[in-house]
Amino acid sequence: MFSIIIPLYNKASYVEKAIRSVAAQTYKEFELIVIDDGSTDDSFAIAQRVISSITPPLGGWGATTQENQGVSTTRNNGVKLAKYDYIAFLDADDWWEPTFLEEMKGLIEEFPEAGIYGSSYYKVKNGKHIPANIGVEAGFERGYINYSHVYAKTMWMPLWTGATIVKKEIFVSEKGFKPMLKLGEDFDLWIRIALKYPVALLNKPLSNYNQDVDLDSRGVVFEKIYAPSTHFIFNLDYLESEELKNKELKKLLDLLRLYTLIRYRLSETETEIVNKQIKKVDFSLQKKSFWFIYHAPIWAVKMYYNFEKLLSNIKKTTLKNGIF
């Protein structure tokens, strides 16, 4: 059976859809735990109303509220309340396809040695459903994956929180999500698990990652500046020894550094600590453009990005007006 955790914070416009997607699951052996993290809108009242209007699953519904503590602590608190052996997470502005739990149950039964399980998913942007371009081989349907290798291949998350199920005992042994992290808390936990246990993937989109929401309400890796203490990329020193001997992990971490730190470089923010991270990168294995971005004079880098932005806007305009 599954324990499903929905952390809720100011998602009044979305939470009903999330809960109803859980209620619509073809596999009913689960419990749902909704934890409101001190919302200032009527999110919690909506969640309670929806729950009271739906026939409860075998494990029952649960809804509770707490003072604002952040998504990591909220999820961790949900797991503390969980009764069952497998934990699934769903953010309050995302939703599942009806067969998510049923098909993930099949994946667990087929690959019982895995410590963590994921399905593919849709990125929902401007109302369009874009299947995740996870870096598995053509024709791959289900099975074990090398998490670091697959992630680095296309830079699409092979484990996205809303399409991931983890064994409760492993979640507890890893002490869950790190409360201080506001960005990448999921990657930090998944990589810790993936380096110790097999990872099983079902290459079928069964969940929906809603990106048609206010950026302030969702962590965005490449579009926001976070304090170093709250950003995962500045808090991975514990992987240093593993990175030196694991080439796949090294490649992934270098790519994550290069992509996530571009905003800091352009804004000339946290320069010293950013440079410390960039010194770890093996540029001989990366595109030459990355070397330019992190070593050229800042005025040249900004000029390059302004030119790229101009080209992107021209492309969008021509496509919108049907010129091409």
Protein backbone atom coordinates (compact mmCIF):
# COMPACT_ATOMS: atom_id res chain seq x y z
CA MET A 1 0.00 0.00 0.00
CA PHE A 2 1.01 3.60 -0.61
CA SER A 3 1.09 6.67 1.60
CA ILE A 4 0.63 9.78 -0.54
CA ILE A 5 1.91 13.11 0.79
CA ILE A 6 0.63 16.43 -0.59
CA PRO A 7 2.38 19.51 0.87
CA LEU A 8 0.11 22.51 0.53
CA TYR A 9 0.98 26.20 0.58
CA ASN A 10 -1.17 28.87 -1.12
CA LYS A 11 -2.37 26.66 -3.96
CA ALA A 12 -6.08 27.45 -3.76
CA SER A 13 -6.44 27.47 -7.54
CA TYR A 14 -4.86 24.04 -7.99
CA VAL A 15 -5.27 21.78 -4.97
CA GLU A 16 -8.70 20.42 -5.90
CA LYS A 17 -7.37 19.06 -9.19
CA ALA A 18 -4.44 17.41 -7.41
CA ILE A 19 -6.65 15.70 -4.82
CA ARG A 20 -9.22 14.57 -7.38
CA SER A 21 -6.43 13.02 -9.49
CA VAL A 22 -5.52 10.94 -6.44
CA ALA A 23 -9.14 9.99 -5.82
CA ALA A 24 -9.46 8.91 -9.47
CA GLN A 25 -6.67 6.33 -9.23
CA THR A 26 -7.61 2.91 -10.55
CA TYR A 27 -5.62 1.36 -7.68
CA LYS A 28 -7.31 2.23 -4.39
CA GLU A 29 -5.03 0.76 -1.72
CA PHE A 30 -3.52 3.96 -0.38
CA GLU A 31 -3.87 6.71 2.19
CA LEU A 32 -3.67 10.41 1.41
CA ILE A 33 -2.07 12.91 3.81
CA VAL A 34 -2.48 16.61 3.03
CA ILE A 35 -0.36 18.94 5.16
CA ASP A 36 -1.03 22.65 4.90
CA ASP A 37 2.17 24.61 5.53
CA GLY A 38 0.58 27.73 6.98
CA SER A 39 -1.24 28.91 3.86
CA THR A 40 -2.48 32.50 3.87
CA ASP A 41 -5.25 31.81 1.35
CA ASP A 42 -8.14 29.32 1.57
CA SER A 43 -6.12 26.35 0.25
CA PHE A 44 -6.68 24.24 3.36
CA ALA A 45 -10.43 24.89 3.46
CA ILE A 46 -10.68 23.83 -0.18
CA ALA A 47 -8.68 20.67 0.49
CA GLN A 48 -10.93 19.77 3.42
CA ARG A 49 -14.07 20.38 1.34
CA VAL A 50 -12.85 18.21 -1.53
CA ILE A 51 -11.76 15.40 0.77
CA SER A 52 -15.12 15.38 2.57
CA SER A 53 -16.95 15.08 -0.75
CA ILE A 54 -15.07 11.99 -1.99
CA THR A 55 -15.36 8.37 -0.96
CA PRO A 56 -12.24 7.64 1.11
CA PRO A 57 -9.71 5.08 -0.14
CA LEU A 58 -8.84 1.95 1.82
CA GLY A 59 -6.22 3.74 3.91
CA GLY A 60 -8.36 6.84 4.47
CA TRP A 61 -7.87 10.58 4.07
CA GLY A 62 -6.01 12.90 6.39
CA ALA A 63 -5.60 16.67 6.42
CA THR A 64 -3.67 18.71 8.95
CA THR A 65 -2.11 22.14 9.21
CA GLN A 66 1.09 23.56 10.67
CA GLU A 67 2.96 26.84 10.91
CA ASN A 68 4.99 27.63 7.80
CA GLN A 69 8.17 25.52 7.76
CA GLY A 70 8.94 25.00 4.08
CA VAL A 71 8.28 22.16 1.68
CA SER A 72 11.09 19.88 2.87
CA THR A 73 9.95 19.85 6.48
CA THR A 74 6.33 19.54 5.39
CA ARG A 75 7.07 16.42 3.35
CA ASN A 76 9.17 15.00 6.18
CA ASN A 77 6.30 15.57 8.61
CA GLY A 78 3.98 13.79 6.20
CA VAL A 79 6.22 10.74 6.14
CA LYS A 80 6.23 10.68 9.94
CA LEU A 81 2.44 10.27 9.78
CA ALA A 82 2.55 7.67 7.00
CA LYS A 83 1.33 4.15 7.80
CA TYR A 84 2.54 2.28 4.73
CA ASP A 85 5.81 1.05 3.23
CA TYR A 86 5.89 3.08 0.02
CA ILE A 87 5.77 6.88 -0.07
CA ALA A 88 4.53 8.91 -3.04
CA PHE A 89 4.75 12.70 -3.23
CA LEU A 90 2.47 15.00 -5.19
CA ASP A 91 2.69 18.79 -5.07
CA ALA A 92 -0.61 20.61 -4.79
CA ASP A 93 -0.38 22.17 -8.27
CA ASP A 94 0.43 18.93 -10.13
CA TRP A 95 -1.71 15.91 -10.91
CA TRP A 96 -1.51 12.21 -11.78
CA GLU A 97 -2.87 10.18 -14.64
CA PRO A 98 -5.49 7.67 -13.38
CA THR A 99 -3.23 4.60 -13.65
CA PHE A 100 -0.17 6.07 -11.92
CA LEU A 101 -0.40 3.99 -8.74
CA GLU A 102 -1.53 0.85 -10.54
CA GLU A 103 1.39 0.92 -12.97
CA MET A 104 3.91 1.89 -10.31
CA LYS A 105 2.71 -1.06 -8.23
CA GLY A 106 3.55 -3.27 -11.21
CA LEU A 107 7.02 -1.69 -11.45
CA ILE A 108 7.66 -2.36 -7.77
CA GLU A 109 6.59 -5.99 -8.11
CA GLU A 110 8.80 -6.48 -11.17
CA PHE A 111 11.87 -4.78 -9.63
CA PRO A 112 11.62 -5.37 -5.88
CA GLU A 113 15.31 -4.71 -5.21
CA ALA A 114 15.06 -1.03 -6.14
CA GLY A 115 15.12 1.57 -3.41
CA ILE A 116 13.34 4.21 -5.46
CA TYR A 117 10.94 4.15 -8.42
CA GLY A 118 9.94 6.71 -11.01
CA SER A 119 7.75 7.10 -14.05
CA SER A 120 8.11 9.49 -16.93
CA TYR A 121 5.91 12.60 -16.87
CA TYR A 122 4.54 15.49 -18.87
CA LYS A 123 5.87 19.01 -18.51
CA VAL A 124 2.77 21.22 -18.81
CA LYS A 125 3.75 24.59 -20.27
CA ASN A 126 1.38 27.11 -21.88
CA GLY A 127 -1.28 24.42 -21.74
CA LYS A 128 0.80 21.99 -23.80
CA HIS A 129 1.74 18.53 -22.52
CA ILE A 130 5.38 17.85 -23.40
CA PRO A 131 6.63 14.30 -22.65
CA ALA A 132 9.82 14.36 -20.57
CA ASN A 133 12.90 13.71 -22.69
CA ILE A 134 14.52 11.34 -20.20
CA GLY A 135 17.89 10.11 -21.44
CA VAL A 136 17.17 6.41 -21.77
CA GLU A 137 17.91 4.38 -24.88
CA ALA A 138 15.34 4.24 -27.69
CA GLY A 139 12.81 1.52 -26.98
CA PHE A 140 13.45 1.45 -23.23
CA GLU A 141 10.17 0.67 -21.48
CA ARG A 142 11.02 -0.23 -17.89
CA GLY A 143 13.95 -1.38 -15.83
CA TYR A 144 16.92 -0.31 -13.78
CA ILE A 145 18.80 2.83 -14.81
CA ASN A 146 22.07 4.54 -13.97
CA TYR A 147 20.57 7.71 -12.52
CA SER A 148 23.59 9.96 -13.10
CA HIS A 149 24.18 8.75 -16.67
CA VAL A 150 20.53 9.10 -17.68
CA TYR A 151 20.17 12.55 -16.09
CA ALA A 152 23.34 13.94 -17.70
CA LYS A 153 22.38 12.70 -21.14
CA THR A 154 19.47 15.13 -21.68
CA MET A 155 19.33 17.10 -18.39
CA TRP A 156 15.71 16.06 -17.91
CA MET A 157 15.15 14.70 -14.41
CA PRO A 158 14.73 10.91 -14.53
CA LEU A 159 13.23 11.16 -11.05
CA TRP A 160 10.81 14.05 -10.66
CA THR A 161 9.18 14.31 -7.25
CA GLY A 162 5.59 14.12 -8.52
CA ALA A 163 6.36 10.87 -10.35
CA THR A 164 8.54 9.19 -7.72
CA ILE A 165 7.88 6.53 -5.10
CA VAL A 166 10.42 5.65 -2.41
CA LYS A 167 10.56 2.93 0.22
CA LYS A 168 9.71 4.47 3.58
CA GLU A 169 12.52 2.67 5.41
CA ILE A 170 15.07 4.12 2.98
CA PHE A 171 13.57 7.61 3.24
CA VAL A 172 13.84 7.39 7.02
CA SER A 173 17.39 5.99 6.96
CA GLU A 174 18.47 8.94 4.78
CA LYS A 175 16.70 11.36 7.16
CA GLY A 176 14.48 12.63 4.36
CA PHE A 177 14.70 16.03 2.72
CA LYS A 178 17.15 18.57 4.14
CA PRO A 179 15.02 21.32 5.72
CA MET A 180 17.36 24.21 4.85
CA LEU A 181 17.20 23.56 1.10
CA LYS A 182 14.64 25.56 -0.89
CA LEU A 183 15.87 24.43 -4.30
CA GLY A 184 16.98 20.96 -5.31
CA GLU A 185 15.99 19.29 -2.06
CA ASP A 186 14.56 16.47 -4.16
CA PHE A 187 17.76 15.98 -6.20
CA ASP A 188 19.81 15.99 -3.01
CA LEU A 189 17.75 13.11 -1.60
CA TRP A 190 17.39 11.16 -4.83
CA ILE A 191 21.14 11.19 -5.53
CA ARG A 192 21.88 9.97 -2.01
CA ILE A 193 19.50 7.08 -2.56
CA ALA A 194 20.61 6.39 -6.15
CA LEU A 195 24.25 5.99 -5.07
CA LYS A 196 23.25 3.26 -2.60
CA TYR A 197 20.28 1.46 -4.16
CA PRO A 198 19.04 0.45 -7.62
CA VAL A 199 16.74 2.92 -9.39
CA ALA A 200 13.81 1.57 -11.42
CA LEU A 201 12.09 3.63 -14.12
CA LEU A 202 8.85 3.16 -16.04
CA ASN A 203 9.29 5.12 -19.26
CA LYS A 204 5.66 6.12 -19.59
CA PRO A 205 4.30 9.59 -18.70
CA LEU A 206 1.91 9.11 -15.78
CA SER A 207 2.19 12.44 -13.97
CA ASN A 208 1.87 16.10 -14.89
CA TYR A 209 4.46 18.71 -13.89
CA ASN A 210 2.57 21.99 -13.98
CA GLN A 211 4.82 24.88 -15.02
CA ASP A 212 1.92 27.23 -15.76
CA VAL A 213 2.15 28.61 -12.23
CA ASP A 214 3.70 31.70 -10.66
CA LEU A 215 7.48 31.20 -10.45
CA ASP A 216 7.42 32.51 -6.89
CA SER A 217 5.38 29.48 -5.86
CA ARG A 218 7.72 26.86 -7.31
CA GLY A 219 11.46 26.29 -7.20
CA VAL A 220 12.97 26.96 -10.63
CA VAL A 221 16.52 25.76 -11.15
CA PHE A 222 17.68 28.12 -13.86
CA GLU A 223 15.52 31.23 -13.40
CA LYS A 224 15.89 32.37 -9.79
CA ILE A 225 18.68 33.41 -7.44
CA TYR A 226 18.77 31.61 -4.08
CA ALA A 227 20.97 32.17 -1.04
CA PRO A 228 23.81 29.60 -1.14
CA SER A 229 22.68 28.01 2.12
CA THR A 230 19.32 27.14 0.50
CA HIS A 231 20.53 26.03 -2.97
CA PHE A 232 21.51 22.39 -3.45
CA ILE A 233 24.45 23.11 -5.76
CA PHE A 234 26.37 24.83 -2.95
CA ASN A 235 25.69 21.98 -0.52
CA LEU A 236 27.08 18.89 -2.21
CA ASP A 237 30.52 18.73 -0.58
CA TYR A 238 29.55 15.40 0.98
CA LEU A 239 29.72 13.92 -2.55
CA GLU A 240 33.30 15.07 -3.15
CA SER A 241 35.01 11.71 -2.62
CA GLU A 242 32.35 9.86 -4.63
CA GLU A 243 32.60 12.42 -7.42
CA LEU A 244 36.34 11.77 -7.78
CA LYS A 245 35.83 8.07 -8.49
CA ASN A 246 32.43 8.05 -10.21
CA LYS A 247 32.74 9.48 -13.75
CA GLU A 248 29.00 9.50 -14.39
CA LEU A 249 28.33 11.42 -11.18
CA LYS A 250 31.16 13.84 -11.98
CA LYS A 251 29.69 14.58 -15.40
CA LEU A 252 26.23 15.20 -13.97
CA LEU A 253 27.39 17.45 -11.13
CA ASP A 254 29.55 19.52 -13.49
CA LEU A 255 26.61 20.05 -15.83
CA LEU A 256 24.36 21.04 -12.94
CA ARG A 257 26.99 23.53 -11.75
CA LEU A 258 27.34 25.05 -15.19
CA TYR A 259 23.62 25.40 -15.85
CA THR A 260 22.47 26.51 -12.40
CA LEU A 261 25.20 29.08 -11.80
CA ILE A 262 24.70 31.07 -15.00
CA ARG A 263 22.22 33.41 -13.27
CA TYR A 264 24.72 34.10 -10.51
CA ARG A 265 27.43 34.84 -13.08
CA LEU A 266 25.24 37.26 -15.03
CA SER A 267 24.06 39.09 -11.92
CA GLU A 268 27.56 39.08 -10.41
CA THR A 269 26.05 37.58 -7.26
CA GLU A 270 27.94 35.45 -4.69
CA THR A 271 31.01 35.64 -6.93
CA GLU A 272 33.49 34.05 -4.53
CA ILE A 273 31.41 30.99 -3.71
CA VAL A 274 30.34 30.60 -7.35
CA ASN A 275 33.98 30.63 -8.47
CA LYS A 276 34.73 27.96 -5.88
CA GLN A 277 32.12 25.71 -7.48
CA ILE A 278 33.26 26.45 -11.03
CA LYS A 279 36.85 25.49 -10.17
CA LYS A 280 35.57 21.95 -9.62
CA VAL A 281 34.40 21.67 -13.24
CA ASP A 282 36.42 19.74 -15.81
CA PHE A 283 35.93 22.07 -18.80
CA SER A 284 37.75 19.69 -21.16
CA LEU A 285 34.61 17.55 -21.13
CA GLN A 286 32.17 20.42 -21.68
CA LYS A 287 31.02 22.61 -24.56
CA LYS A 288 33.38 25.51 -25.31
CA SER A 289 30.55 27.97 -24.74
CA PHE A 290 30.60 27.09 -21.05
CA TRP A 291 34.27 28.04 -20.78
CA PHE A 292 33.43 31.40 -22.38
CA ILE A 293 30.52 32.04 -20.01
CA TYR A 294 32.61 31.48 -16.90
CA HIS A 295 35.98 32.89 -18.01
CA ALA A 296 35.29 35.76 -20.43
CA PRO A 297 34.91 39.34 -19.13
CA ILE A 298 31.44 39.80 -17.69
CA TRP A 299 30.56 42.54 -20.21
CA ALA A 300 31.22 40.07 -23.03
CA VAL A 301 29.11 37.37 -21.37
CA LYS A 302 26.20 39.80 -20.92
CA MET A 303 26.49 40.92 -24.54
CA TYR A 304 26.41 37.26 -25.63
CA TYR A 305 23.27 36.61 -23.59
CA ASN A 306 21.52 39.74 -24.81
CA PHE A 307 22.19 38.60 -28.38
CA GLU A 308 20.87 35.11 -27.60
CA LYS A 309 17.75 36.63 -26.03
CA LEU A 310 17.18 38.79 -29.10
CA LEU A 311 17.42 35.78 -31.41
CA SER A 312 15.01 33.84 -29.20
CA ASN A 313 12.45 36.67 -29.25
CA ILE A 314 12.72 36.96 -33.04
CA LYS A 315 12.14 33.22 -33.38
CA LYS A 316 9.10 33.33 -31.11
CA THR A 317 7.63 36.28 -33.02
CA THR A 318 8.11 34.68 -36.43
CA LEU A 319 6.57 31.42 -35.28
CA LYS A 320 3.63 33.24 -33.68
CA ASN A 321 2.95 35.27 -36.84
CA GLY A 322 3.33 32.26 -39.10
CA ILE A 323 6.24 33.70 -41.08
CA PHE A 324 7.93 30.29 -41.18
